[in-house]
Amino acid sequence: MNSDTNQISTAQIRSLANEVFGDPVKVANWFASPIDALGRQIPESLLGDEQGRKDVHAVLVRIGDGVFS
């Protein structure tokens, strides 16, 4: 997260997704699939605004921590 503005960039989210999934194909599939934890929304569609990026980031952090629901 950018500490100066406290905003999360799309690049930071994609980097985190690569760390979490470790496979570009899995990353692409995840960003293109409806995700229950996001209200069945597609992560890619949420990256256009700050709240959407925060939501996607939070889900990726939870997955990385082993929390799937």
PDB file of N, CA and C in Angstrom:
ATOM      1  N   MET A   1       0.839  -1.166   0.000  1.00  0.00           N
ATOM      2  CA  MET A   1       0.000   0.000   0.000  1.00  0.00           C
ATOM      3  C   MET A   1       0.886   1.232   0.000  1.00  0.00           C
ATOM      4  N   ASN A   2       0.493   2.235  -0.715  1.00  0.00           N
ATOM      5  CA  ASN A   2       1.249   3.478  -0.764  1.00  0.00           C
ATOM      6  C   ASN A   2       1.007   4.246   0.526  1.00  0.00           C
ATOM      7  N   SER A   3       2.031   4.397   1.345  1.00  0.00           N
ATOM      8  CA  SER A   3       1.859   5.026   2.652  1.00  0.00           C
ATOM      9  C   SER A   3       1.590   6.525   2.547  1.00  0.00           C
ATOM     10  N   ASP A   4       2.001   7.164   1.458  1.00  0.00           N
ATOM     11  CA  ASP A   4       1.782   8.597   1.316  1.00  0.00           C
ATOM     12  C   ASP A   4       0.304   8.923   1.131  1.00  0.00           C
ATOM     13  N   THR A   5      -0.394   8.129   0.347  1.00  0.00           N
ATOM     14  CA  THR A   5      -1.792   8.422   0.051  1.00  0.00           C
ATOM     15  C   THR A   5      -2.730   7.352   0.586  1.00  0.00           C
ATOM     16  N   ASN A   6      -2.173   6.267   1.090  1.00  0.00           N
ATOM     17  CA  ASN A   6      -2.961   5.167   1.627  1.00  0.00           C
ATOM     18  C   ASN A   6      -3.860   4.534   0.569  1.00  0.00           C
ATOM     19  N   GLN A   7      -3.421   4.608  -0.693  1.00  0.00           N
ATOM     20  CA  GLN A   7      -4.176   4.021  -1.789  1.00  0.00           C
ATOM     21  C   GLN A   7      -3.468   2.772  -2.290  1.00  0.00           C
ATOM     22  N   ILE A   8      -4.255   1.853  -2.786  1.00  0.00           N
ATOM     23  CA  ILE A   8      -3.735   0.605  -3.320  1.00  0.00           C
ATOM     24  C   ILE A   8      -3.800   0.692  -4.840  1.00  0.00           C
ATOM     25  N   SER A   9      -2.690   0.433  -5.496  1.00  0.00           N
ATOM     26  CA  SER A   9      -2.683   0.483  -6.958  1.00  0.00           C
ATOM     27  C   SER A   9      -3.038  -0.883  -7.538  1.00  0.00           C
ATOM     28  N   THR A  10      -3.475  -0.853  -8.776  1.00  0.00           N
ATOM     29  CA  THR A  10      -3.763  -2.098  -9.485  1.00  0.00           C
ATOM     30  C   THR A  10      -2.497  -2.939  -9.596  1.00  0.00           C
ATOM     31  N   ALA A  11      -1.357  -2.293  -9.806  1.00  0.00           N
ATOM     32  CA  ALA A  11      -0.089  -3.033  -9.904  1.00  0.00           C
ATOM     33  C   ALA A  11       0.225  -3.753  -8.595  1.00  0.00           C
ATOM     34  N   GLN A  12      -0.037  -3.110  -7.463  1.00  0.00           N
ATOM     35  CA  GLN A  12       0.192  -3.756  -6.165  1.00  0.00           C
ATOM     36  C   GLN A  12      -0.721  -4.962  -5.987  1.00  0.00           C
ATOM     37  N   ILE A  13      -1.953  -4.838  -6.429  1.00  0.00           N
ATOM     38  CA  ILE A  13      -2.902  -5.945  -6.316  1.00  0.00           C
ATOM     39  C   ILE A  13      -2.458  -7.104  -7.195  1.00  0.00           C
ATOM     40  N   ARG A  14      -2.043  -6.809  -8.402  1.00  0.00           N
ATOM     41  CA  ARG A  14      -1.590  -7.877  -9.306  1.00  0.00           C
ATOM     42  C   ARG A  14      -0.326  -8.551  -8.763  1.00  0.00           C
ATOM     43  N   SER A  15       0.553  -7.787  -8.181  1.00  0.00           N
ATOM     44  CA  SER A  15       1.752  -8.353  -7.576  1.00  0.00           C
ATOM     45  C   SER A  15       1.394  -9.285  -6.424  1.00  0.00           C
ATOM     46  N   LEU A  16       0.469  -8.850  -5.577  1.00  0.00           N
ATOM     47  CA  LEU A  16       0.017  -9.691  -4.469  1.00  0.00           C
ATOM     48  C   LEU A  16      -0.634 -10.967  -5.002  1.00  0.00           C
ATOM     49  N   ALA A  17      -1.448 -10.848  -6.033  1.00  0.00           N
ATOM     50  CA  ALA A  17      -2.093 -12.029  -6.618  1.00  0.00           C
ATOM     51  C   ALA A  17      -1.051 -13.015  -7.135  1.00  0.00           C
ATOM     52  N   ASN A  18       0.007 -12.496  -7.750  1.00  0.00           N
ATOM     53  CA  ASN A  18       1.076 -13.377  -8.222  1.00  0.00           C
ATOM     54  C   ASN A  18       1.757 -14.093  -7.065  1.00  0.00           C
ATOM     55  N   GLU A  19       1.946 -13.391  -5.948  1.00  0.00           N
ATOM     56  CA  GLU A  19       2.528 -14.026  -4.758  1.00  0.00           C
ATOM     57  C   GLU A  19       1.598 -15.093  -4.194  1.00  0.00           C
ATOM     58  N   VAL A  20       0.315 -14.776  -4.124  1.00  0.00           N
ATOM     59  CA  VAL A  20      -0.667 -15.685  -3.518  1.00  0.00           C
ATOM     60  C   VAL A  20      -0.850 -16.944  -4.360  1.00  0.00           C
ATOM     61  N   PHE A  21      -1.012 -16.783  -5.677  1.00  0.00           N
ATOM     62  CA  PHE A  21      -1.328 -17.924  -6.533  1.00  0.00           C
ATOM     63  C   PHE A  21      -0.105 -18.560  -7.175  1.00  0.00           C
ATOM     64  N   GLY A  22       0.954 -17.782  -7.390  1.00  0.00           N
ATOM     65  CA  GLY A  22       2.198 -18.319  -7.907  1.00  0.00           C
ATOM     66  C   GLY A  22       2.167 -18.842  -9.330  1.00  0.00           C
ATOM     67  N   ASP A  23       1.115 -18.545 -10.065  1.00  0.00           N
ATOM     68  CA  ASP A  23       0.973 -19.059 -11.428  1.00  0.00           C
ATOM     69  C   ASP A  23       0.166 -18.039 -12.233  1.00  0.00           C
ATOM     70  N   PRO A  24       0.726 -17.519 -13.324  1.00  0.00           N
ATOM     71  CA  PRO A  24       0.022 -16.496 -14.102  1.00  0.00           C
ATOM     72  C   PRO A  24      -1.349 -16.940 -14.621  1.00  0.00           C
ATOM     73  N   VAL A  25      -1.490 -18.206 -14.940  1.00  0.00           N
ATOM     74  CA  VAL A  25      -2.785 -18.702 -15.428  1.00  0.00           C
ATOM     75  C   VAL A  25      -3.817 -18.676 -14.300  1.00  0.00           C
ATOM     76  N   LYS A  26      -3.410 -19.098 -13.095  1.00  0.00           N
ATOM     77  CA  LYS A  26      -4.320 -19.052 -11.946  1.00  0.00           C
ATOM     78  C   LYS A  26      -4.704 -17.615 -11.618  1.00  0.00           C
ATOM     79  N   VAL A  27      -3.743 -16.711 -11.712  1.00  0.00           N
ATOM     80  CA  VAL A  27      -4.013 -15.286 -11.460  1.00  0.00           C
ATOM     81  C   VAL A  27      -5.046 -14.777 -12.461  1.00  0.00           C
ATOM     82  N   ALA A  28      -4.829 -15.038 -13.733  1.00  0.00           N
ATOM     83  CA  ALA A  28      -5.751 -14.569 -14.774  1.00  0.00           C
ATOM     84  C   ALA A  28      -7.146 -15.150 -14.570  1.00  0.00           C
ATOM     85  N   ASN A  29      -7.211 -16.439 -14.243  1.00  0.00           N
ATOM     86  CA  ASN A  29      -8.516 -17.071 -14.009  1.00  0.00           C
ATOM     87  C   ASN A  29      -9.221 -16.457 -12.809  1.00  0.00           C
ATOM     88  N   TRP A  30      -8.485 -16.195 -11.737  1.00  0.00           N
ATOM     89  CA  TRP A  30      -9.089 -15.626 -10.533  1.00  0.00           C
ATOM     90  C   TRP A  30      -9.658 -14.236 -10.832  1.00  0.00           C
ATOM     91  N   PHE A  31      -8.881 -13.390 -11.534  1.00  0.00           N
ATOM     92  CA  PHE A  31      -9.345 -12.037 -11.843  1.00  0.00           C
ATOM     93  C   PHE A  31     -10.557 -12.026 -12.768  1.00  0.00           C
ATOM     94  N   ALA A  32     -10.779 -13.110 -13.512  1.00  0.00           N
ATOM     95  CA  ALA A  32     -11.878 -13.173 -14.476  1.00  0.00           C
ATOM     96  C   ALA A  32     -13.085 -13.954 -13.974  1.00  0.00           C
ATOM     97  N   SER A  33     -13.032 -14.456 -12.741  1.00  0.00           N
ATOM     98  CA  SER A  33     -14.100 -15.318 -12.221  1.00  0.00           C
ATOM     99  C   SER A  33     -14.892 -14.625 -11.117  1.00  0.00           C
ATOM    100  N   PRO A  34     -16.203 -14.901 -11.046  1.00  0.00           N
ATOM    101  CA  PRO A  34     -16.981 -14.374  -9.920  1.00  0.00           C
ATOM    102  C   PRO A  34     -16.462 -14.973  -8.609  1.00  0.00           C
ATOM    103  N   ILE A  35     -16.265 -14.120  -7.610  1.00  0.00           N
ATOM    104  CA  ILE A  35     -15.695 -14.540  -6.338  1.00  0.00           C
ATOM    105  C   ILE A  35     -16.747 -14.357  -5.238  1.00  0.00           C
ATOM    106  N   ASP A  36     -17.057 -15.439  -4.538  1.00  0.00           N
ATOM    107  CA  ASP A  36     -18.070 -15.389  -3.486  1.00  0.00           C
ATOM    108  C   ASP A  36     -17.792 -14.290  -2.465  1.00  0.00           C
ATOM    109  N   ALA A  37     -16.542 -14.175  -2.033  1.00  0.00           N
ATOM    110  CA  ALA A  37     -16.176 -13.196  -1.004  1.00  0.00           C
ATOM    111  C   ALA A  37     -16.330 -11.752  -1.500  1.00  0.00           C
ATOM    112  N   LEU A  38     -16.513 -11.584  -2.797  1.00  0.00           N
ATOM    113  CA  LEU A  38     -16.744 -10.253  -3.377  1.00  0.00           C
ATOM    114  C   LEU A  38     -18.189 -10.116  -3.852  1.00  0.00           C
ATOM    115  N   GLY A  39     -19.071 -10.898  -3.273  1.00  0.00           N
ATOM    116  CA  GLY A  39     -20.474 -10.841  -3.669  1.00  0.00           C
ATOM    117  C   GLY A  39     -20.714 -11.345  -5.076  1.00  0.00           C
ATOM    118  N   ARG A  40     -19.906 -12.339  -5.481  1.00  0.00           N
ATOM    119  CA  ARG A  40     -19.972 -12.950  -6.818  1.00  0.00           C
ATOM    120  C   ARG A  40     -19.594 -11.961  -7.925  1.00  0.00           C
ATOM    121  N   GLN A  41     -18.904 -10.900  -7.558  1.00  0.00           N
ATOM    122  CA  GLN A  41     -18.404  -9.962  -8.563  1.00  0.00           C
ATOM    123  C   GLN A  41     -17.063 -10.458  -9.095  1.00  0.00           C
ATOM    124  N   ILE A  42     -16.716 -10.002 -10.289  1.00  0.00           N
ATOM    125  CA  ILE A  42     -15.458 -10.366 -10.926  1.00  0.00           C
ATOM    126  C   ILE A  42     -14.394  -9.357 -10.483  1.00  0.00           C
ATOM    127  N   PRO A  43     -13.291  -9.826  -9.884  1.00  0.00           N
ATOM    128  CA  PRO A  43     -12.271  -8.906  -9.373  1.00  0.00           C
ATOM    129  C   PRO A  43     -11.809  -7.861 -10.378  1.00  0.00           C
ATOM    130  N   GLU A  44     -11.597  -8.275 -11.611  1.00  0.00           N
ATOM    131  CA  GLU A  44     -11.125  -7.336 -12.646  1.00  0.00           C
ATOM    132  C   GLU A  44     -12.062  -6.137 -12.756  1.00  0.00           C
ATOM    133  N   SER A  45     -13.363  -6.370 -12.598  1.00  0.00           N
ATOM    134  CA  SER A  45     -14.338  -5.293 -12.748  1.00  0.00           C
ATOM    135  C   SER A  45     -14.329  -4.325 -11.572  1.00  0.00           C
ATOM    136  N   LEU A  46     -13.672  -4.684 -10.486  1.00  0.00           N
ATOM    137  CA  LEU A  46     -13.649  -3.841  -9.290  1.00  0.00           C
ATOM    138  C   LEU A  46     -12.407  -2.965  -9.186  1.00  0.00           C
ATOM    139  N   LEU A  47     -11.469  -3.116 -10.106  1.00  0.00           N
ATOM    140  CA  LEU A  47     -10.193  -2.416  -9.996  1.00  0.00           C
ATOM    141  C   LEU A  47     -10.238  -0.952 -10.414  1.00  0.00           C
ATOM    142  N   GLY A  48     -11.371  -0.491 -10.915  1.00  0.00           N
ATOM    143  CA  GLY A  48     -11.476   0.871 -11.418  1.00  0.00           C
ATOM    144  C   GLY A  48     -11.639   1.947 -10.371  1.00  0.00           C
ATOM    145  N   ASP A  49     -11.958   1.567  -9.127  1.00  0.00           N
ATOM    146  CA  ASP A  49     -12.072   2.589  -8.084  1.00  0.00           C
ATOM    147  C   ASP A  49     -11.410   2.107  -6.795  1.00  0.00           C
ATOM    148  N   GLU A  50     -11.137   3.046  -5.921  1.00  0.00           N
ATOM    149  CA  GLU A  50     -10.372   2.745  -4.711  1.00  0.00           C
ATOM    150  C   GLU A  50     -11.058   1.713  -3.825  1.00  0.00           C
ATOM    151  N   GLN A  51     -12.362   1.821  -3.623  1.00  0.00           N
ATOM    152  CA  GLN A  51     -13.045   0.856  -2.762  1.00  0.00           C
ATOM    153  C   GLN A  51     -12.978  -0.550  -3.354  1.00  0.00           C
ATOM    154  N   GLY A  52     -13.151  -0.661  -4.653  1.00  0.00           N
ATOM    155  CA  GLY A  52     -13.048  -1.962  -5.297  1.00  0.00           C
ATOM    156  C   GLY A  52     -11.658  -2.555  -5.139  1.00  0.00           C
ATOM    157  N   ARG A  53     -10.633  -1.725  -5.315  1.00  0.00           N
ATOM    158  CA  ARG A  53      -9.257  -2.210  -5.130  1.00  0.00           C
ATOM    159  C   ARG A  53      -9.026  -2.657  -3.691  1.00  0.00           C
ATOM    160  N   LYS A  54      -9.561  -1.899  -2.721  1.00  0.00           N
ATOM    161  CA  LYS A  54      -9.427  -2.305  -1.317  1.00  0.00           C
ATOM    162  C   LYS A  54     -10.102  -3.647  -1.068  1.00  0.00           C
ATOM    163  N   ASP A  55     -11.284  -3.845  -1.651  1.00  0.00           N
ATOM    164  CA  ASP A  55     -12.019  -5.100  -1.467  1.00  0.00           C
ATOM    165  C   ASP A  55     -11.250  -6.283  -2.055  1.00  0.00           C
ATOM    166  N   VAL A  56     -10.751  -6.110  -3.273  1.00  0.00           N
ATOM    167  CA  VAL A  56      -9.992  -7.177  -3.924  1.00  0.00           C
ATOM    168  C   VAL A  56      -8.711  -7.466  -3.135  1.00  0.00           C
ATOM    169  N   HIS A  57      -8.027  -6.429  -2.707  1.00  0.00           N
ATOM    170  CA  HIS A  57      -6.804  -6.590  -1.914  1.00  0.00           C
ATOM    171  C   HIS A  57      -7.096  -7.368  -0.637  1.00  0.00           C
ATOM    172  N   ALA A  58      -8.176  -7.012   0.053  1.00  0.00           N
ATOM    173  CA  ALA A  58      -8.525  -7.680   1.310  1.00  0.00           C
ATOM    174  C   ALA A  58      -8.780  -9.171   1.097  1.00  0.00           C
ATOM    175  N   VAL A  59      -9.452  -9.523   0.014  1.00  0.00           N
ATOM    176  CA  VAL A  59      -9.712 -10.938  -0.273  1.00  0.00           C
ATOM    177  C   VAL A  59      -8.407 -11.667  -0.568  1.00  0.00           C
ATOM    178  N   LEU A  60      -7.528 -11.053  -1.335  1.00  0.00           N
ATOM    179  CA  LEU A  60      -6.240 -11.683  -1.636  1.00  0.00           C
ATOM    180  C   LEU A  60      -5.415 -11.878  -0.373  1.00  0.00           C
ATOM    181  N   VAL A  61      -5.439 -10.917   0.535  1.00  0.00           N
ATOM    182  CA  VAL A  61      -4.718 -11.059   1.800  1.00  0.00           C
ATOM    183  C   VAL A  61      -5.294 -12.239   2.585  1.00  0.00           C
ATOM    184  N   ARG A  62      -6.610 -12.335   2.622  1.00  0.00           N
ATOM    185  CA  ARG A  62      -7.241 -13.460   3.343  1.00  0.00           C
ATOM    186  C   ARG A  62      -6.865 -14.795   2.723  1.00  0.00           C
ATOM    187  N   ILE A  63      -6.871 -14.868   1.400  1.00  0.00           N
ATOM    188  CA  ILE A  63      -6.475 -16.116   0.737  1.00  0.00           C
ATOM    189  C   ILE A  63      -5.023 -16.433   1.071  1.00  0.00           C
ATOM    190  N   GLY A  64      -4.171 -15.430   1.015  1.00  0.00           N
ATOM    191  CA  GLY A  64      -2.765 -15.623   1.344  1.00  0.00           C
ATOM    192  C   GLY A  64      -2.549 -16.098   2.772  1.00  0.00           C
ATOM    193  N   ASP A  65      -3.457 -15.679   3.657  1.00  0.00           N
ATOM    194  CA  ASP A  65      -3.384 -16.096   5.067  1.00  0.00           C
ATOM    195  C   ASP A  65      -4.076 -17.430   5.316  1.00  0.00           C
ATOM    196  N   GLY A  66      -4.654 -18.016   4.257  1.00  0.00           N
ATOM    197  CA  GLY A  66      -5.310 -19.316   4.390  1.00  0.00           C
ATOM    198  C   GLY A  66      -6.775 -19.243   4.779  1.00  0.00           C
ATOM    199  N   VAL A  67      -7.377 -18.064   4.676  1.00  0.00           N
ATOM    200  CA  VAL A  67      -8.799 -17.887   4.986  1.00  0.00           C
ATOM    201  C   VAL A  67      -9.549 -17.823   3.660  1.00  0.00           C
ATOM    202  N   PHE A  68     -10.399 -18.796   3.409  1.00  0.00           N
ATOM    203  CA  PHE A  68     -11.042 -18.891   2.111  1.00  0.00           C
ATOM    204  C   PHE A  68     -12.509 -18.494   2.103  1.00  0.00           C
ATOM    205  N   SER A  69     -13.091 -18.224   3.250  1.00  0.00           N
ATOM    206  CA  SER A  69     -14.523 -17.859   3.257  1.00  0.00           C
ATOM    207  C   SER A  69     -14.725 -16.452   3.738  1.00  0.00           C
TER     208      SER A  69
END
